[in-house]
Protein backbone atom coordinates (compact mmCIF):
# COMPACT_ATOMS: atom_id res chain seq x y z
CA MET A 1 0.00 0.00 0.00
CA THR A 2 1.10 3.54 -0.68
CA VAL A 3 0.26 6.85 0.96
CA LEU A 4 1.04 9.79 -1.30
CA ALA A 5 2.90 11.78 1.34
CA GLU A 6 4.48 14.07 -1.23
CA ASP A 7 1.20 15.22 -2.71
CA ARG A 8 0.48 18.81 -1.74
CA TYR A 9 -3.04 17.92 -0.62
CA VAL A 10 -2.20 14.77 1.31
CA GLY A 11 -2.05 14.67 5.09
CA SER A 12 -1.40 11.76 7.44
CA ALA A 13 -4.34 11.95 9.84
CA MET A 14 -6.47 9.52 7.85
CA ALA A 15 -3.72 7.16 6.65
CA ASN A 16 -5.19 4.18 8.56
CA SER A 17 -8.86 5.17 8.60
CA ILE A 18 -11.52 3.10 6.87
CA LEU A 19 -14.86 4.78 6.17
CA SER A 20 -18.16 3.53 4.81
CA THR A 21 -19.84 5.19 1.85
CA ALA A 22 -22.30 6.94 4.16
CA ALA A 23 -19.49 8.31 6.31
CA LEU A 24 -17.58 9.48 3.25
CA ARG A 25 -20.65 11.30 1.95
CA THR A 26 -20.86 13.11 5.29
CA VAL A 27 -17.20 14.11 4.99
CA GLU A 28 -17.68 15.30 1.41
CA LEU A 29 -20.70 17.38 2.41
CA ALA A 30 -18.76 19.02 5.22
CA HIS A 31 -16.06 20.06 2.73
CA GLN A 32 -18.27 20.95 -0.22
CA ASP A 33 -17.00 24.55 -0.20
CA ALA A 34 -13.33 23.64 0.08
CA GLN A 35 -10.88 25.31 -2.29
CA PRO A 36 -9.43 23.79 -4.33
CA THR A 37 -12.45 21.53 -4.60
CA LEU A 38 -12.21 17.91 -3.53
CA MET A 39 -12.55 16.91 -7.18
CA GLN A 40 -9.65 19.12 -8.18
CA ARG A 41 -7.55 17.71 -5.36
CA ALA A 42 -8.43 14.15 -6.32
CA GLY A 43 -7.61 14.64 -9.99
CA ARG A 44 -4.30 16.31 -9.21
CA ALA A 45 -3.36 13.62 -6.68
CA ALA A 46 -4.12 11.01 -9.36
CA ALA A 47 -1.93 12.88 -11.85
CA ASP A 48 0.92 12.94 -9.33
CA LEU A 49 0.56 9.20 -8.84
CA VAL A 50 0.60 8.59 -12.58
CA GLU A 51 3.85 10.54 -12.81
CA LYS A 52 5.34 8.23 -10.17
CA PHE A 53 4.49 5.24 -12.38
CA GLN A 54 7.16 6.36 -14.89
CA LEU A 55 5.04 5.13 -17.78
CA PRO A 56 6.38 4.42 -21.24
CA ASP A 57 5.56 6.81 -24.06
CA GLY A 58 2.11 6.45 -25.55
CA PRO A 59 -1.47 7.61 -25.04
CA ILE A 60 -3.39 7.34 -21.79
CA LEU A 61 -7.05 6.31 -21.83
CA VAL A 62 -9.40 7.74 -19.21
CA MET A 63 -12.86 6.12 -19.02
CA ALA A 64 -15.03 8.81 -17.40
CA GLY A 65 -18.49 8.06 -16.08
CA PRO A 66 -21.59 10.25 -15.62
CA GLY A 67 -20.96 11.33 -12.02
CA ASN A 68 -18.31 12.75 -9.74
CA ASN A 69 -15.97 9.81 -10.26
CA GLY A 70 -16.02 10.72 -13.92
CA GLY A 71 -15.27 14.30 -12.89
CA ASP A 72 -12.19 13.08 -11.02
CA GLY A 73 -11.14 11.38 -14.24
CA LEU A 74 -11.67 14.56 -16.27
CA VAL A 75 -9.50 16.58 -13.88
CA LEU A 76 -6.86 13.86 -14.15
CA ALA A 77 -7.06 13.99 -17.96
CA THR A 78 -6.68 17.77 -17.95
CA GLU A 79 -3.74 17.66 -15.54
CA LEU A 80 -1.96 14.97 -17.56
CA ARG A 81 -2.48 16.85 -20.82
CA GLN A 82 -1.09 20.01 -19.25
CA ARG A 83 1.93 17.97 -18.19
CA GLY A 84 2.60 16.91 -21.75
CA ARG A 85 0.88 13.51 -21.99
CA GLN A 86 -1.39 12.42 -24.80
CA VAL A 87 -4.79 11.65 -23.25
CA VAL A 88 -7.96 10.18 -24.72
CA VAL A 89 -11.20 10.51 -22.72
CA ALA A 90 -13.95 7.96 -23.32
CA PHE A 91 -17.08 9.49 -21.79
CA LEU A 92 -20.10 7.53 -20.70
CA GLY A 93 -23.06 9.77 -19.97
CA ASP A 94 -24.83 13.02 -20.81
CA GLU A 95 -22.73 16.19 -20.54
CA GLN A 96 -25.86 18.22 -19.78
CA ARG A 97 -26.64 16.14 -16.68
CA LEU A 98 -23.25 16.17 -14.97
CA PRO A 99 -23.10 17.30 -11.32
CA PRO A 100 -21.76 20.86 -10.91
CA ASP A 101 -18.13 20.02 -10.08
CA ALA A 102 -17.99 17.36 -12.81
CA ALA A 103 -19.50 19.84 -15.29
CA ALA A 104 -16.75 22.31 -14.38
CA ALA A 105 -14.16 19.58 -14.93
CA MET A 106 -15.70 18.85 -18.34
CA ALA A 107 -15.57 22.53 -19.26
CA ALA A 108 -11.90 22.70 -18.30
CA TRP A 109 -11.19 19.64 -20.45
CA ARG A 110 -13.04 21.16 -23.39
CA GLN A 111 -11.29 24.52 -22.95
CA LEU A 112 -7.97 22.75 -23.26
CA GLY A 113 -9.09 21.34 -26.61
CA GLY A 114 -9.90 17.93 -25.23
CA GLU A 115 -12.35 15.73 -27.08
CA LEU A 116 -14.52 12.79 -26.11
CA VAL A 117 -14.77 9.36 -27.73
CA THR A 118 -17.25 6.56 -27.30
CA GLU A 119 -15.17 3.79 -28.88
CA PHE A 120 -11.68 2.59 -28.07
CA SER A 121 -9.49 -0.43 -28.66
CA THR A 122 -7.86 -2.59 -25.96
CA GLY A 123 -4.30 -2.16 -27.20
CA ASP A 124 -1.48 0.38 -27.47
CA TRP A 125 -2.18 2.32 -24.26
CA ALA A 126 0.50 3.38 -21.81
CA LEU A 127 -2.15 3.46 -19.06
CA ALA A 128 -5.90 2.94 -18.78
CA VAL A 129 -7.89 4.70 -16.04
CA ASP A 130 -11.22 3.54 -14.64
CA ALA A 131 -13.19 6.62 -13.54
CA LEU A 132 -16.62 5.24 -14.36
CA PHE A 133 -18.59 4.88 -11.13
CA GLY A 134 -16.54 5.02 -7.91
CA ILE A 135 -18.18 4.41 -4.53
CA GLY A 136 -21.73 5.35 -5.51
CA LEU A 137 -22.53 2.24 -7.54
CA THR A 138 -25.17 -0.04 -5.96
CA ARG A 139 -26.23 -2.21 -8.92
CA ALA A 140 -24.56 -4.28 -11.58
CA PRO A 141 -23.07 -2.35 -14.51
CA SER A 142 -24.84 -3.16 -17.76
CA GLY A 143 -24.83 -2.31 -21.44
CA ILE A 144 -21.98 -0.08 -22.58
CA ALA A 145 -20.61 0.20 -19.04
CA ALA A 146 -20.22 -3.57 -18.75
CA ASP A 147 -18.62 -3.69 -22.19
CA TRP A 148 -16.12 -0.98 -21.25
CA ILE A 149 -15.25 -2.77 -18.02
CA ASN A 150 -14.60 -5.97 -19.95
CA ARG A 151 -12.38 -4.08 -22.39
CA PHE A 152 -10.50 -2.48 -19.52
CA ASN A 153 -9.87 -5.92 -18.01
CA ALA A 154 -8.56 -7.23 -21.33
CA MET A 155 -5.86 -4.56 -21.56
CA THR A 156 -2.24 -5.55 -20.94
CA CYS A 157 -1.09 -2.07 -19.90
CA ARG A 158 -1.09 -0.73 -16.36
CA ARG A 159 -4.66 -0.08 -15.21
CA LEU A 160 -5.55 2.50 -12.55
CA ALA A 161 -8.92 2.69 -10.78
CA LEU A 162 -9.94 5.96 -9.11
CA ASP A 163 -11.36 5.51 -5.60
CA ILE A 164 -12.47 1.90 -6.17
CA PRO A 165 -12.71 -0.38 -9.22
CA SER A 166 -16.07 0.12 -10.90
CA GLY A 167 -18.40 -2.73 -10.04
CA ILE A 168 -16.98 -3.39 -6.55
CA ASP A 169 -19.29 -2.50 -3.67
CA ALA A 170 -17.29 0.02 -1.64
CA ASP A 171 -18.74 -1.15 1.67
CA THR A 172 -18.54 -4.93 1.24
CA GLY A 173 -16.09 -5.83 -1.53
CA ARG A 174 -18.79 -7.70 -3.46
CA VAL A 175 -18.64 -7.84 -7.24
CA LEU A 176 -21.83 -6.27 -8.58
CA GLY A 177 -22.13 -8.36 -11.71
CA TYR A 178 -19.10 -7.00 -13.55
CA ALA A 179 -16.08 -5.34 -11.96
CA ALA A 180 -12.92 -3.73 -13.22
CA ARG A 181 -9.62 -5.46 -12.43
CA ALA A 182 -7.00 -2.80 -11.82
CA THR A 183 -3.26 -3.08 -11.30
CA ASP A 184 -3.49 -0.03 -9.02
CA THR A 185 -6.26 1.72 -7.12
CA LEU A 186 -6.05 5.24 -5.70
CA SER A 187 -8.44 5.70 -2.78
CA PHE A 188 -9.49 9.24 -1.89
CA ILE A 189 -9.94 10.68 1.64
CA ALA A 190 -9.79 7.29 3.44
CA TRP A 191 -9.71 3.58 2.75
CA LYS A 192 -12.99 1.86 1.91
CA PRO A 193 -13.91 -1.54 3.39
CA GLY A 194 -14.51 -2.97 -0.07
CA LEU A 195 -10.91 -2.35 -1.08
CA MET A 196 -9.63 -4.75 1.54
CA THR A 197 -12.02 -7.64 1.97
CA LEU A 198 -13.90 -10.33 0.02
CA ASP A 199 -13.41 -9.79 -3.74
CA GLY A 200 -11.93 -6.30 -3.42
CA PRO A 201 -8.25 -7.30 -3.09
CA ASP A 202 -8.45 -9.40 -6.27
CA HIS A 203 -9.68 -6.36 -8.22
CA CYS A 204 -7.74 -3.47 -6.66
CA GLY A 205 -4.12 -4.41 -7.27
CA GLN A 206 -1.66 -2.17 -5.45
CA LEU A 207 -3.48 0.23 -3.13
CA HIS A 208 -2.61 3.93 -2.86
CA LEU A 209 -4.20 6.60 -0.67
CA ALA A 210 -4.58 10.36 -1.10
CA THR A 211 -6.34 11.88 1.91
CA LEU A 212 -6.78 15.23 0.08
CA GLY A 213 -5.53 17.11 3.13
CA LEU A 214 -8.77 16.76 5.06
CA ALA A 215 -8.82 17.03 8.83
CA VAL A 216 -11.48 14.39 9.43
CA SER A 217 -12.72 13.47 12.89
CA PRO A 218 -13.12 9.75 13.69
CA HIS A 219 -16.54 8.56 12.60
CA ASP A 220 -18.75 6.37 14.75
CA GLU A 221 -19.07 3.79 11.98
CA GLY A 222 -15.43 4.01 10.88
CA GLY A 223 -12.77 1.36 11.22
CA ARG A 224 -9.03 1.29 10.78
CA LEU A 225 -6.32 -0.61 8.97
CA LEU A 226 -4.24 -2.84 11.26
CA THR A 227 -0.55 -1.95 11.47
CA ARG A 228 2.33 -2.98 13.73
CA ALA A 229 2.38 0.53 15.19
CA ASP A 230 -0.95 -0.24 16.90
CA PHE A 231 0.87 -2.58 19.31
CA THR A 232 3.94 -0.55 20.26
CA PRO A 233 2.97 -0.37 23.97
CA TRP A 234 3.19 -4.17 24.27
CA LEU A 235 6.32 -4.80 22.20
CA ALA A 236 8.93 -3.76 24.74
CA PRO A 237 11.81 -6.20 25.28
CA ARG A 238 11.51 -8.57 28.20
CA THR A 239 13.42 -7.75 31.38
CA ARG A 240 16.53 -9.82 32.02
CA ASN A 241 15.10 -10.78 35.42
CA SER A 242 12.37 -13.01 33.95
CA HIS A 243 10.83 -16.37 34.71
CA LYS A 244 8.12 -18.45 33.04
CA GLY A 245 5.53 -17.46 35.59
CA LEU A 246 5.53 -13.94 34.20
CA TYR A 247 4.31 -15.07 30.78
CA GLY A 248 1.24 -17.07 31.65
CA ASP A 249 -0.12 -20.58 31.32
CA VAL A 250 -2.10 -21.44 28.19
CA GLY A 251 -4.48 -24.37 28.16
CA ILE A 252 -5.60 -25.85 24.82
CA VAL A 253 -8.78 -27.95 24.97
CA GLY A 254 -9.47 -30.10 21.90
CA GLY A 255 -7.85 -33.00 20.12
CA ALA A 256 -10.65 -35.54 19.76
CA ALA A 257 -9.90 -38.85 18.07
CA GLY A 258 -8.26 -38.27 14.69
CA MET A 259 -7.77 -34.54 15.39
CA VAL A 260 -5.04 -34.41 18.01
CA GLY A 261 -2.81 -32.56 15.55
CA ALA A 262 -5.09 -29.52 15.67
CA ALA A 263 -4.54 -29.15 19.41
CA TRP A 264 -0.81 -29.68 18.98
CA ILE A 265 -0.63 -26.93 16.34
CA ALA A 266 -2.40 -24.49 18.67
CA GLY A 267 -0.07 -25.46 21.50
CA ARG A 268 3.04 -25.06 19.36
CA ALA A 269 1.81 -21.62 18.25
CA ALA A 270 1.30 -20.55 21.86
CA LEU A 271 4.85 -21.65 22.72
CA ALA A 272 6.33 -19.89 19.68
CA LEU A 273 4.84 -16.55 20.69
CA GLY A 274 6.23 -16.76 24.18
CA ALA A 275 3.74 -18.22 26.66
CA GLY A 276 5.45 -19.37 29.84
CA ARG A 277 3.85 -22.84 29.86
CA VAL A 278 1.42 -24.57 27.52
CA PHE A 279 -0.85 -27.46 28.48
CA VAL A 280 -2.68 -29.47 25.84
CA GLY A 281 -5.79 -31.27 27.02
CA THR A 282 -7.04 -33.86 24.53
CA LEU A 283 -10.29 -35.75 24.33
CA ALA A 284 -8.75 -38.67 22.48
CA THR A 285 -8.01 -41.41 25.00
CA ASP A 286 -5.23 -42.82 22.84
CA ALA A 287 -3.49 -39.47 22.28
CA PRO A 288 0.32 -39.72 22.51
CA GLY A 289 1.86 -38.57 25.77
CA ILE A 290 4.14 -36.12 23.96
CA ASP A 291 4.14 -34.04 20.81
CA PRO A 292 7.38 -35.22 19.17
CA ALA A 293 7.81 -31.86 17.41
CA ALA A 294 7.34 -29.86 20.64
CA VAL A 295 8.19 -31.96 23.67
CA GLU A 296 7.82 -28.82 25.80
CA LEU A 297 4.03 -29.14 25.55
CA MET A 298 2.53 -30.73 28.64
CA MET A 299 -0.21 -33.24 27.91
CA ARG A 300 -3.21 -33.70 30.16
CA PRO A 301 -6.73 -35.09 29.91
CA ALA A 302 -8.90 -32.22 28.74
CA ARG A 303 -11.01 -32.11 31.91
CA GLU A 304 -7.92 -31.33 34.01
CA LEU A 305 -6.95 -28.16 32.17
CA PRO A 306 -9.02 -25.26 33.57
CA PRO A 307 -7.34 -25.14 37.01
CA LEU A 308 -3.89 -25.18 35.37
CA ALA A 309 -4.42 -22.35 32.89
CA SER A 310 -4.47 -18.58 33.12
CA VAL A 311 -5.88 -18.48 29.56
CA LEU A 312 -8.02 -21.20 28.02
CA ALA A 313 -8.41 -21.91 24.28
CA VAL A 314 -11.20 -24.30 23.32
CA GLY A 315 -11.94 -25.73 19.89
CA PRO A 316 -8.94 -27.04 17.91
CA GLY A 317 -9.93 -30.59 16.99
CA LEU A 318 -12.64 -30.56 19.66
CA GLY A 319 -15.34 -32.40 17.72
CA GLN A 320 -19.03 -32.16 18.53
CA SER A 321 -19.57 -35.09 20.87
CA GLU A 322 -21.47 -34.91 24.16
CA GLU A 323 -18.13 -34.91 25.96
CA ALA A 324 -17.02 -31.96 23.83
CA ARG A 325 -20.18 -30.08 24.66
CA ALA A 326 -19.75 -30.75 28.38
CA LEU A 327 -16.17 -29.50 28.30
CA LEU A 328 -17.24 -26.39 26.43
CA HIS A 329 -20.09 -25.78 28.88
CA GLY A 330 -17.63 -25.83 31.76
CA SER A 331 -15.10 -23.70 29.91
CA LEU A 332 -17.63 -20.90 29.41
CA ALA A 333 -17.53 -20.45 33.18
CA PHE A 334 -13.73 -20.18 33.17
CA ALA A 335 -12.58 -17.29 35.38
CA GLY A 336 -10.14 -15.82 32.90
CA PRO A 337 -9.68 -14.97 29.22
CA LEU A 338 -11.13 -17.52 26.81
CA VAL A 339 -10.40 -18.14 23.11
CA LEU A 340 -13.04 -20.01 21.09
CA ASP A 341 -12.56 -21.52 17.63
CA ALA A 342 -13.64 -24.32 15.32
CA ASP A 343 -16.06 -26.86 16.85
CA ALA A 344 -16.46 -24.78 20.00
CA LEU A 345 -18.13 -22.19 17.77
CA ASN A 346 -20.17 -24.81 15.93
CA LEU A 347 -21.47 -26.20 19.21
CA ILE A 348 -22.40 -22.74 20.44
CA GLY A 349 -24.13 -21.93 17.15
CA ALA A 350 -26.44 -24.92 17.60
CA ASP A 351 -27.21 -24.50 21.32
CA ALA A 352 -29.16 -21.59 22.80
CA ALA A 353 -28.04 -22.44 26.34
CA LEU A 354 -24.39 -22.18 25.35
CA GLN A 355 -25.11 -18.91 23.59
CA THR A 356 -26.58 -17.49 26.77
CA LEU A 357 -23.59 -18.61 28.81
CA LEU A 358 -21.20 -17.06 26.30
CA SER A 359 -22.94 -13.69 26.13
CA SER A 360 -23.07 -13.45 29.94
CA ARG A 361 -19.37 -14.13 30.57
CA GLN A 362 -17.61 -11.64 32.85
CA HIS A 363 -14.13 -12.20 31.45
CA SER A 364 -12.69 -11.47 28.02
CA THR A 365 -13.74 -13.77 25.19
CA LEU A 366 -12.04 -14.01 21.80
CA MET A 367 -13.69 -15.77 18.85
CA THR A 368 -12.11 -16.62 15.50
CA PRO A 369 -14.85 -17.92 13.17
CA HIS A 370 -14.62 -18.54 9.47
CA PRO A 371 -17.69 -17.39 7.50
CA ALA A 372 -19.63 -20.65 7.86
CA GLU A 373 -19.08 -20.72 11.62
CA ALA A 374 -20.08 -17.07 11.82
CA ALA A 375 -23.29 -17.85 9.96
CA ARG A 376 -24.17 -20.58 12.46
CA LEU A 377 -23.53 -18.22 15.36
CA LEU A 378 -25.81 -15.62 13.76
CA GLN A 379 -28.44 -18.16 12.66
CA SER A 380 -27.81 -16.87 9.17
CA ALA A 381 -26.34 -18.14 5.90
CA THR A 382 -22.71 -18.06 4.83
CA ILE A 383 -23.53 -15.96 1.77
CA GLU A 384 -25.22 -13.36 3.97
CA VAL A 385 -22.12 -13.15 6.16
CA GLN A 386 -19.91 -12.75 3.12
CA ASN A 387 -22.20 -10.16 1.56
CA ASP A 388 -21.35 -7.77 4.41
CA ARG A 389 -18.41 -9.03 6.40
CA VAL A 390 -17.99 -5.89 8.49
CA ALA A 391 -21.63 -5.93 9.57
CA ALA A 392 -21.47 -9.65 10.38
CA ALA A 393 -18.32 -9.33 12.50
CA ARG A 394 -19.75 -6.37 14.39
CA ALA A 395 -23.03 -8.18 14.97
CA LEU A 396 -21.19 -11.18 16.43
CA ALA A 397 -19.05 -9.01 18.69
CA MET A 398 -21.99 -7.12 20.10
CA ARG A 399 -24.32 -10.11 20.35
CA TYR A 400 -21.85 -12.29 22.27
CA ARG A 401 -19.92 -9.47 23.98
CA ALA A 402 -16.74 -10.88 22.46
CA HIS A 403 -13.73 -9.82 20.42
CA VAL A 404 -14.23 -11.41 17.01
CA ALA A 405 -11.91 -12.12 14.08
CA LEU A 406 -14.03 -13.03 11.06
CA LYS A 407 -11.45 -14.90 9.00
CA GLY A 408 -11.12 -14.74 5.24
CA CYS A 409 -9.74 -12.41 2.61
CA GLY A 410 -9.38 -9.21 4.62
CA THR A 411 -10.04 -10.55 8.13
CA ILE A 412 -12.44 -8.28 10.02
CA VAL A 413 -11.67 -7.81 13.73
CA ALA A 414 -14.60 -6.39 15.70
CA HIS A 415 -15.09 -5.62 19.37
CA PRO A 416 -18.04 -5.41 21.79
CA ASP A 417 -17.98 -1.60 21.73
CA GLY A 418 -18.67 -1.62 17.97
CA THR A 419 -15.14 -0.66 16.87
CA TRP A 420 -13.56 -2.67 14.06
CA SER A 421 -10.51 -3.01 11.87
CA ILE A 422 -9.39 -4.86 8.74
CA ASN A 423 -6.21 -6.85 8.33
CA THR A 424 -4.51 -6.92 4.94
CA SER A 425 -1.61 -9.25 5.68
CA GLY A 426 -1.76 -12.86 4.50
CA ASN A 427 -2.09 -14.72 1.22
CA PRO A 428 -3.89 -17.69 -0.42
CA GLY A 429 -1.33 -20.13 0.95
CA MET A 430 -3.17 -19.87 4.26
CA ALA A 431 -6.18 -21.69 2.84
CA VAL A 432 -5.13 -25.00 4.35
CA ALA A 433 -6.00 -27.04 7.43
CA GLY A 434 -4.30 -26.02 10.65
CA MET A 435 -3.99 -22.29 9.99
CA GLY A 436 -6.92 -21.44 12.24
CA ASP A 437 -5.47 -23.58 15.03
CA ALA A 438 -2.23 -21.60 14.81
CA LEU A 439 -4.15 -18.32 15.07
CA THR A 440 -5.92 -19.63 18.18
CA GLY A 441 -2.57 -20.40 19.78
CA PHE A 442 -1.14 -17.02 18.89
CA ALA A 443 -4.07 -15.15 20.43
CA ALA A 444 -4.05 -17.28 23.59
CA SER A 445 -0.31 -16.77 24.01
CA LEU A 446 -0.55 -12.97 23.85
CA LEU A 447 -3.44 -13.01 26.31
CA ALA A 448 -1.37 -15.12 28.69
CA GLN A 449 1.37 -12.48 28.45
CA HIS A 450 -1.12 -9.91 29.75
CA TRP A 451 -1.95 -8.20 26.48
CA PRO A 452 -5.41 -6.55 26.51
CA ALA A 453 -7.96 -8.68 24.68
CA GLN A 454 -8.44 -6.26 21.78
CA ALA A 455 -4.73 -5.86 21.16
CA ALA A 456 -4.06 -9.59 21.56
CA LEU A 457 -6.56 -10.57 18.88
CA GLU A 458 -5.61 -7.82 16.45
CA ALA A 459 -1.88 -8.50 16.82
CA ALA A 460 -2.39 -12.26 16.44
CA VAL A 461 -4.31 -11.72 13.21
CA LEU A 462 -1.75 -9.28 11.78
CA LEU A 463 1.20 -11.46 12.80
CA HIS A 464 -0.44 -14.62 11.42
CA GLY A 465 -0.76 -13.08 7.96
CA ALA A 466 2.63 -11.37 8.10
CA ALA A 467 4.28 -14.70 8.90
CA ALA A 468 2.68 -16.29 5.84
CA ASP A 469 3.72 -13.33 3.68
CA ALA A 470 7.30 -13.66 4.89
CA LEU A 471 7.32 -17.32 3.85
CA VAL A 472 6.15 -16.46 0.35
CA ALA A 473 8.87 -13.82 0.11
CA GLU A 474 11.37 -16.55 1.00
CA GLY A 475 10.01 -18.88 -1.68
CA VAL A 476 8.05 -21.10 0.71
CA GLY A 477 4.55 -21.17 -0.76
CA PRO A 478 1.97 -19.98 -1.25
CA ILE A 479 1.15 -23.42 -2.64
CA GLY A 480 1.94 -26.12 -0.13
CA MET A 481 2.50 -23.80 2.82
CA ARG A 482 1.91 -25.52 6.18
CA ALA A 483 0.69 -24.16 9.49
CA SER A 484 3.83 -25.39 11.26
CA GLU A 485 5.93 -23.28 8.89
CA VAL A 486 3.82 -20.23 9.66
CA ILE A 487 4.36 -20.80 13.39
CA ASP A 488 8.15 -20.72 13.00
CA SER A 489 7.91 -17.64 10.77
CA ALA A 490 5.67 -15.89 13.30
CA ARG A 491 8.24 -16.42 16.05
CA ARG A 492 10.91 -14.72 13.91
CA ILE A 493 8.66 -11.77 13.13
CA ARG A 494 7.49 -11.38 16.73
CA ASN A 495 11.11 -11.12 17.86
CA ALA A 496 11.93 -8.70 15.06
CA TRP A 497 9.03 -6.49 16.10
CA THR A 498 10.36 -6.44 19.67
CA ILE A 499 13.87 -5.48 18.59
CA LYS A 500 12.57 -2.63 16.45
CA SER A 501 10.59 -1.19 19.35
CA ALA A 502 13.48 -1.46 21.85
């Protein structure tokens, strides 16, 4: 991701802010009399970004739509032409019906001698720009618009989308029938949820931000982008006078027959991130007495774990037997932080009594559902969860009074007070069994080391993805990446973070 710090209209206050379409409209209204106008600022910021691309010689195509996003494109076209580039504007709409600022941008383009076309080829462009619809689109593009989007996607040149690729829902990341696939997207004012979750990342390419110099107050419905800087207070080096009792005791409850490995992975992850001691309580009666890859893990029958642990994690390989339900029922009364994943969530989703126990807990609860588990917890459908991931995560957090990480492309982390964030680390190599168990162990380990619940979950999510990204950078994956490899990578990154903050 890029923040255009050099742009004359770009400030830093909003660099990590994520705003919904409704919130952005409120911001735009509050600055409707700004000079230069927001449209002029956006077009000039886009022109500055294009200059940074160091494009080859050749014409630039700007596809301009009938609204303010099209106006941004017209300002960009005018700026680029004034800077010596050959620009072709393909206009979709009625000049007489343009909004006032877009009409002014059209007049400026015309005054410069600029013309409009309605046909264009897919080849021989140095750059193509999607300025068709922006954040206002709520229905599938059709007719000429759909045809232009398909042509844009067929181009082999660099492709820039202004604000958000046309056809992507700015609030959810859903594809609305057809959607542009850009190599770069320049977001204005703040990040949009749809840039970072569901289908958005596959359509946005490299993300860039121009805040347009606005001093925007935090919005009640706004979120933020997770970054390492969020966790600086908890990344101080350990004191030399340390002992294992300072770093907590994690208990992992799970490991039914045939699934002991899931509990082991969670336990190994908790060790790797620095918990003082880790106990693994398995349901399988024939479970080995040691994990040969981590003999430091202490094995116990699952029912013995709660008194031994300062933090309890329930779910990895738990199964859905009556014994599993009984263990979960008792764990919901645990007098300390609790992490819930996998079959613990499935059992809760199917049992109203467990739901009541969960929502009435007096200690911190962390939940890490994937979309199907989230749907069961909400008595909904997976597609409904995916259609608005931010809303689903926030609903879970408030309903169960828990800190929730809704896993997937652009994991949403939501909290009982309604605040939320999006994580952009991670890659498709994580779509393999065991990754969720590792995340459970990471979160439990940070909780055991006295991190606040919100910070523990957010840092675990960010670190989990960053560890997978580091492996890909080293040539390990994405295809064939294993959870155990991510655990080792996470340990390296966690230590590197600590050194940097020392």
